[in-house]
Amino acid sequence: MGLVESRIGLGPLRPGTLNVLLPAPYIVSPDALIQAYEYPLFREVIKLQRCRIGRIRAVIVRPSTHELGKAHGPAYLELAAKVNLRDCLRLADGDEITVEVGGDARWWRGW
């Protein structure tokens, strides 16, 4: 099991992320962290926050430099899930989705 899966309790995750453009910057409130020394490829802290897109459990993966305005920046979410989100939700470029964050354990497990 990978670092993300073991920290957030969701896995196995599909390779890749769904990148979602937000109307305003969003600062991730992490449910878990991956420290820079644990994942030398990035050499930075990675914040992980549980989220849901409808009934699909997912995780926001946010490298710390993105919140400082580098790479995608804080107005993007990188979402990882057990399914290919683009295919599962039948998304095309520019489609809008709702991403829920901040729920309790019951919310995370599902209704």
C-alpha atoms as a PDB file:
ATOM      1  CA  MET A   1       0.000   0.000   0.000  1.00  0.00           C
ATOM      2  CA  GLY A   2       1.296   3.454  -0.902  1.00  0.00           C
ATOM      3  CA  LEU A   3       1.837   6.391   1.416  1.00  0.00           C
ATOM      4  CA  VAL A   4      -1.339   8.194   0.378  1.00  0.00           C
ATOM      5  CA  GLU A   5      -3.478   5.085   0.764  1.00  0.00           C
ATOM      6  CA  SER A   6      -2.049   4.208   4.177  1.00  0.00           C
ATOM      7  CA  ARG A   7      -2.432   7.740   5.547  1.00  0.00           C
ATOM      8  CA  ILE A   8      -5.936   8.464   4.342  1.00  0.00           C
ATOM      9  CA  GLY A   9      -7.451   4.961   4.508  1.00  0.00           C
ATOM     10  CA  LEU A  10      -8.494   4.805   0.893  1.00  0.00           C
ATOM     11  CA  GLY A  11      -6.990   2.549  -1.675  1.00  0.00           C
ATOM     12  CA  PRO A  12      -5.796   1.292  -3.925  1.00  0.00           C
ATOM     13  CA  LEU A  13      -5.844   4.588  -5.803  1.00  0.00           C
ATOM     14  CA  ARG A  14      -5.869   4.856  -9.576  1.00  0.00           C
ATOM     15  CA  PRO A  15      -2.729   6.427 -11.063  1.00  0.00           C
ATOM     16  CA  GLY A  16      -3.052  10.112 -11.886  1.00  0.00           C
ATOM     17  CA  THR A  17      -5.243  12.891 -10.584  1.00  0.00           C
ATOM     18  CA  LEU A  18      -8.218  14.869 -11.758  1.00  0.00           C
ATOM     19  CA  ASN A  19      -7.250  18.549 -11.777  1.00  0.00           C
ATOM     20  CA  VAL A  20     -10.105  20.880 -10.855  1.00  0.00           C
ATOM     21  CA  LEU A  21      -9.914  24.646 -11.340  1.00  0.00           C
ATOM     22  CA  LEU A  22     -11.554  26.585  -8.496  1.00  0.00           C
ATOM     23  CA  PRO A  23     -13.041  30.095  -8.612  1.00  0.00           C
ATOM     24  CA  ALA A  24     -10.786  31.123  -5.695  1.00  0.00           C
ATOM     25  CA  PRO A  25      -7.715  29.762  -3.879  1.00  0.00           C
ATOM     26  CA  TYR A  26      -8.329  26.970  -1.392  1.00  0.00           C
ATOM     27  CA  ILE A  27      -5.975  26.204   1.499  1.00  0.00           C
ATOM     28  CA  VAL A  28      -6.055  22.492   2.298  1.00  0.00           C
ATOM     29  CA  SER A  29      -6.860  21.500   5.890  1.00  0.00           C
ATOM     30  CA  PRO A  30      -4.995  18.196   5.956  1.00  0.00           C
ATOM     31  CA  ASP A  31      -6.352  15.001   7.418  1.00  0.00           C
ATOM     32  CA  ALA A  32      -2.850  13.560   6.958  1.00  0.00           C
ATOM     33  CA  LEU A  33       0.603  14.605   5.787  1.00  0.00           C
ATOM     34  CA  ILE A  34       3.438  13.007   3.889  1.00  0.00           C
ATOM     35  CA  GLN A  35       6.711  14.511   5.030  1.00  0.00           C
ATOM     36  CA  ALA A  36       9.388  15.502   2.517  1.00  0.00           C
ATOM     37  CA  TYR A  37      11.798  12.794   3.706  1.00  0.00           C
ATOM     38  CA  GLU A  38       9.162  10.096   3.140  1.00  0.00           C
ATOM     39  CA  TYR A  39       8.706  10.830  -0.549  1.00  0.00           C
ATOM     40  CA  PRO A  40      11.979  12.117  -1.984  1.00  0.00           C
ATOM     41  CA  LEU A  41      10.540  12.511  -5.494  1.00  0.00           C
ATOM     42  CA  PHE A  42       8.732  15.683  -4.418  1.00  0.00           C
ATOM     43  CA  ARG A  43      11.074  16.811  -1.600  1.00  0.00           C
ATOM     44  CA  GLU A  44       8.261  18.730   0.034  1.00  0.00           C
ATOM     45  CA  VAL A  45       5.378  18.150   2.412  1.00  0.00           C
ATOM     46  CA  ILE A  46       2.238  16.814   0.773  1.00  0.00           C
ATOM     47  CA  LYS A  47      -1.114  17.582   2.386  1.00  0.00           C
ATOM     48  CA  LEU A  48      -3.912  15.038   2.086  1.00  0.00           C
ATOM     49  CA  GLN A  49      -7.546  15.940   2.686  1.00  0.00           C
ATOM     50  CA  ARG A  50     -10.494  13.603   2.407  1.00  0.00           C
ATOM     51  CA  CYS A  51     -13.242  14.706   0.068  1.00  0.00           C
ATOM     52  CA  ARG A  52     -16.294  13.387  -1.733  1.00  0.00           C
ATOM     53  CA  ILE A  53     -17.604  13.961  -5.217  1.00  0.00           C
ATOM     54  CA  GLY A  54     -21.182  12.781  -4.905  1.00  0.00           C
ATOM     55  CA  ARG A  55     -20.893   9.300  -3.375  1.00  0.00           C
ATOM     56  CA  ILE A  56     -17.279   8.803  -4.514  1.00  0.00           C
ATOM     57  CA  ARG A  57     -14.636   9.030  -1.817  1.00  0.00           C
ATOM     58  CA  ALA A  58     -11.493  10.794  -2.955  1.00  0.00           C
ATOM     59  CA  VAL A  59      -8.482  12.647  -1.596  1.00  0.00           C
ATOM     60  CA  ILE A  60      -7.098  16.084  -2.325  1.00  0.00           C
ATOM     61  CA  VAL A  61      -3.345  15.771  -2.865  1.00  0.00           C
ATOM     62  CA  ARG A  62      -1.635  19.145  -2.359  1.00  0.00           C
ATOM     63  CA  PRO A  63       2.145  19.648  -2.427  1.00  0.00           C
ATOM     64  CA  SER A  64       3.068  22.495  -0.076  1.00  0.00           C
ATOM     65  CA  THR A  65       4.634  24.608  -2.828  1.00  0.00           C
ATOM     66  CA  HIS A  66       1.294  24.749  -4.659  1.00  0.00           C
ATOM     67  CA  GLU A  67      -0.191  26.763  -1.804  1.00  0.00           C
ATOM     68  CA  LEU A  68       2.682  29.201  -2.298  1.00  0.00           C
ATOM     69  CA  GLY A  69       1.611  29.762  -5.893  1.00  0.00           C
ATOM     70  CA  LYS A  70       3.948  27.377  -7.694  1.00  0.00           C
ATOM     71  CA  ALA A  71       2.864  24.778 -10.282  1.00  0.00           C
ATOM     72  CA  HIS A  72      -0.965  24.603 -10.310  1.00  0.00           C
ATOM     73  CA  GLY A  73      -1.277  26.963  -7.356  1.00  0.00           C
ATOM     74  CA  PRO A  74      -3.929  27.047  -4.615  1.00  0.00           C
ATOM     75  CA  ALA A  75      -6.856  27.588  -7.009  1.00  0.00           C
ATOM     76  CA  TYR A  76      -6.553  23.997  -8.277  1.00  0.00           C
ATOM     77  CA  LEU A  77      -7.423  20.713  -6.610  1.00  0.00           C
ATOM     78  CA  GLU A  78      -5.655  17.505  -7.551  1.00  0.00           C
ATOM     79  CA  LEU A  79      -8.080  14.683  -6.766  1.00  0.00           C
ATOM     80  CA  ALA A  80      -7.178  11.002  -6.498  1.00  0.00           C
ATOM     81  CA  ALA A  81      -9.647   8.135  -6.067  1.00  0.00           C
ATOM     82  CA  LYS A  82     -10.079   4.381  -6.428  1.00  0.00           C
ATOM     83  CA  VAL A  83     -11.735   5.009  -9.783  1.00  0.00           C
ATOM     84  CA  ASN A  84     -10.829   7.128 -12.773  1.00  0.00           C
ATOM     85  CA  LEU A  85     -12.890  10.190 -11.868  1.00  0.00           C
ATOM     86  CA  ARG A  86     -13.028  11.613 -15.380  1.00  0.00           C
ATOM     87  CA  ASP A  87     -14.435   8.349 -16.765  1.00  0.00           C
ATOM     88  CA  CYS A  88     -16.680   7.476 -13.816  1.00  0.00           C
ATOM     89  CA  LEU A  89     -18.298  10.926 -13.752  1.00  0.00           C
ATOM     90  CA  ARG A  90     -18.255  11.212 -17.557  1.00  0.00           C
ATOM     91  CA  LEU A  91     -16.436  14.536 -17.373  1.00  0.00           C
ATOM     92  CA  ALA A  92     -15.257  16.642 -20.268  1.00  0.00           C
ATOM     93  CA  ASP A  93     -12.872  19.575 -20.035  1.00  0.00           C
ATOM     94  CA  GLY A  94     -14.679  22.546 -18.507  1.00  0.00           C
ATOM     95  CA  ASP A  95     -17.401  20.531 -16.767  1.00  0.00           C
ATOM     96  CA  GLU A  96     -18.284  21.665 -13.252  1.00  0.00           C
ATOM     97  CA  ILE A  97     -18.320  19.330 -10.259  1.00  0.00           C
ATOM     98  CA  THR A  98     -19.031  19.742  -6.562  1.00  0.00           C
ATOM     99  CA  VAL A  99     -16.294  18.630  -4.163  1.00  0.00           C
ATOM    100  CA  GLU A 100     -17.328  18.233  -0.511  1.00  0.00           C
ATOM    101  CA  VAL A 101     -14.764  18.515   2.293  1.00  0.00           C
ATOM    102  CA  GLY A 102     -14.782  18.531   6.061  1.00  0.00           C
ATOM    103  CA  GLY A 103     -17.188  15.748   6.866  1.00  0.00           C
ATOM    104  CA  ASP A 104     -17.039  13.459   9.897  1.00  0.00           C
ATOM    105  CA  ALA A 105     -16.275   9.725   9.949  1.00  0.00           C
ATOM    106  CA  ARG A 106     -19.866   8.818   9.026  1.00  0.00           C
ATOM    107  CA  TRP A 107     -19.741  11.159   6.044  1.00  0.00           C
ATOM    108  CA  TRP A 108     -16.418   9.658   4.930  1.00  0.00           C
ATOM    109  CA  ARG A 109     -17.709   6.057   5.148  1.00  0.00           C
ATOM    110  CA  GLY A 110     -20.893   6.902   3.288  1.00  0.00           C
ATOM    111  CA  TRP A 111     -24.507   7.159   4.248  1.00  0.00           C
END
